[in-house]
């Protein structure tokens, strides 16, 4: 039972990390597009 709780916690942490990385990449892409259009 304890192993399942640990696994679930790690899975949630990984999802949050990937979500944050995705937002950072999206922001960088938008900045590049803005510079290219100027």
N, C-alpha and C. Protein backbone atom coordinates (compact mmCIF):
# COMPACT_ATOMS: atom_id res chain seq x y z
N UNK A 1 0.83 -1.20 0.00
CA UNK A 1 0.00 0.00 0.00
C UNK A 1 0.87 1.25 0.00
N UNK A 2 1.92 1.24 0.82
CA UNK A 2 2.81 2.39 0.89
C UNK A 2 3.49 2.64 -0.45
N UNK A 3 3.83 1.56 -1.14
CA UNK A 3 4.46 1.67 -2.45
C UNK A 3 3.56 2.37 -3.46
N UNK A 4 2.27 2.09 -3.40
CA UNK A 4 1.32 2.74 -4.30
C UNK A 4 1.24 4.24 -4.03
N UNK A 5 1.27 4.62 -2.78
CA UNK A 5 1.24 6.04 -2.43
C UNK A 5 2.48 6.77 -2.94
N UNK A 6 3.63 6.13 -2.80
CA UNK A 6 4.87 6.73 -3.29
C UNK A 6 4.83 6.85 -4.80
N UNK A 7 4.38 5.82 -5.48
CA UNK A 7 4.29 5.84 -6.94
C UNK A 7 3.34 6.94 -7.42
N UNK A 8 2.21 7.07 -6.77
CA UNK A 8 1.25 8.11 -7.14
C UNK A 8 1.84 9.49 -6.93
N UNK A 9 2.56 9.70 -5.86
CA UNK A 9 3.18 10.99 -5.59
C UNK A 9 4.21 11.34 -6.65
N UNK A 10 5.03 10.37 -7.03
CA UNK A 10 6.04 10.61 -8.06
C UNK A 10 5.40 10.92 -9.40
N UNK A 11 4.33 10.24 -9.71
CA UNK A 11 3.63 10.47 -10.98
C UNK A 11 3.08 11.88 -11.04
N UNK A 12 2.49 12.35 -9.96
CA UNK A 12 1.94 13.71 -9.94
C UNK A 12 3.05 14.74 -10.06
N UNK A 13 4.16 14.51 -9.40
CA UNK A 13 5.28 15.45 -9.47
C UNK A 13 5.82 15.51 -10.89
N UNK A 14 5.91 14.39 -11.56
CA UNK A 14 6.41 14.36 -12.94
C UNK A 14 5.46 15.11 -13.87
N UNK A 15 4.17 14.98 -13.67
CA UNK A 15 3.20 15.69 -14.51
C UNK A 15 3.34 17.19 -14.34
N UNK A 16 3.48 17.64 -13.12
CA UNK A 16 3.62 19.07 -12.88
C UNK A 16 4.90 19.60 -13.50
N UNK A 17 5.97 18.83 -13.45
CA UNK A 17 7.24 19.25 -14.03
C UNK A 17 7.12 19.37 -15.55
N UNK A 18 6.49 18.39 -16.18
CA UNK A 18 6.33 18.41 -17.63
C UNK A 18 5.43 19.56 -18.05
N UNK A 19 4.40 19.84 -17.26
CA UNK A 19 3.50 20.95 -17.58
C UNK A 19 4.26 22.27 -17.53
N UNK A 20 5.07 22.44 -16.52
CA UNK A 20 5.87 23.66 -16.39
C UNK A 20 6.86 23.80 -17.53
N UNK A 21 7.49 22.71 -17.93
CA UNK A 21 8.44 22.74 -19.04
C UNK A 21 7.72 23.09 -20.34
N UNK A 22 6.54 22.55 -20.52
CA UNK A 22 5.75 22.85 -21.72
C UNK A 22 5.40 24.32 -21.80
N UNK A 23 5.04 24.91 -20.68
CA UNK A 23 4.72 26.34 -20.66
C UNK A 23 5.95 27.17 -20.98
N UNK A 24 7.10 26.79 -20.45
CA UNK A 24 8.34 27.51 -20.73
C UNK A 24 8.67 27.46 -22.22
N UNK A 25 8.54 26.29 -22.82
CA UNK A 25 8.83 26.13 -24.25
C UNK A 25 7.85 26.96 -25.07
N UNK A 26 6.59 26.96 -24.67
CA UNK A 26 5.58 27.74 -25.38
C UNK A 26 5.90 29.23 -25.31
N UNK A 27 6.28 29.71 -24.14
CA UNK A 27 6.64 31.12 -23.98
C UNK A 27 7.84 31.48 -24.85
N UNK A 28 8.83 30.61 -24.92
CA UNK A 28 10.01 30.86 -25.74
C UNK A 28 9.62 30.92 -27.22
N UNK A 29 8.75 30.03 -27.65
CA UNK A 29 8.28 30.02 -29.04
C UNK A 29 7.54 31.30 -29.38
N UNK A 30 6.72 31.78 -28.48
CA UNK A 30 5.99 33.02 -28.72
C UNK A 30 6.94 34.21 -28.82
N UNK A 31 7.98 34.22 -27.99
CA UNK A 31 8.97 35.30 -28.03
C UNK A 31 9.70 35.29 -29.37
N UNK A 32 10.03 34.10 -29.87
CA UNK A 32 10.72 33.99 -31.16
C UNK A 32 9.81 34.49 -32.28
N UNK A 33 8.54 34.11 -32.22
CA UNK A 33 7.59 34.56 -33.26
C UNK A 33 7.45 36.08 -33.24
N UNK A 34 7.41 36.65 -32.06
CA UNK A 34 7.26 38.10 -31.95
C UNK A 34 8.47 38.81 -32.55
N UNK A 35 9.67 38.31 -32.26
CA UNK A 35 10.89 38.90 -32.80
C UNK A 35 10.95 38.74 -34.32
N UNK A 36 10.50 37.60 -34.83
CA UNK A 36 10.54 37.35 -36.27
C UNK A 36 9.58 38.26 -37.01
N UNK A 37 8.47 38.60 -36.39
CA UNK A 37 7.47 39.45 -37.06
C UNK A 37 7.82 40.94 -37.00
N UNK A 38 8.73 41.30 -36.10
CA UNK A 38 9.12 42.72 -35.97
C UNK A 38 10.10 43.14 -37.01
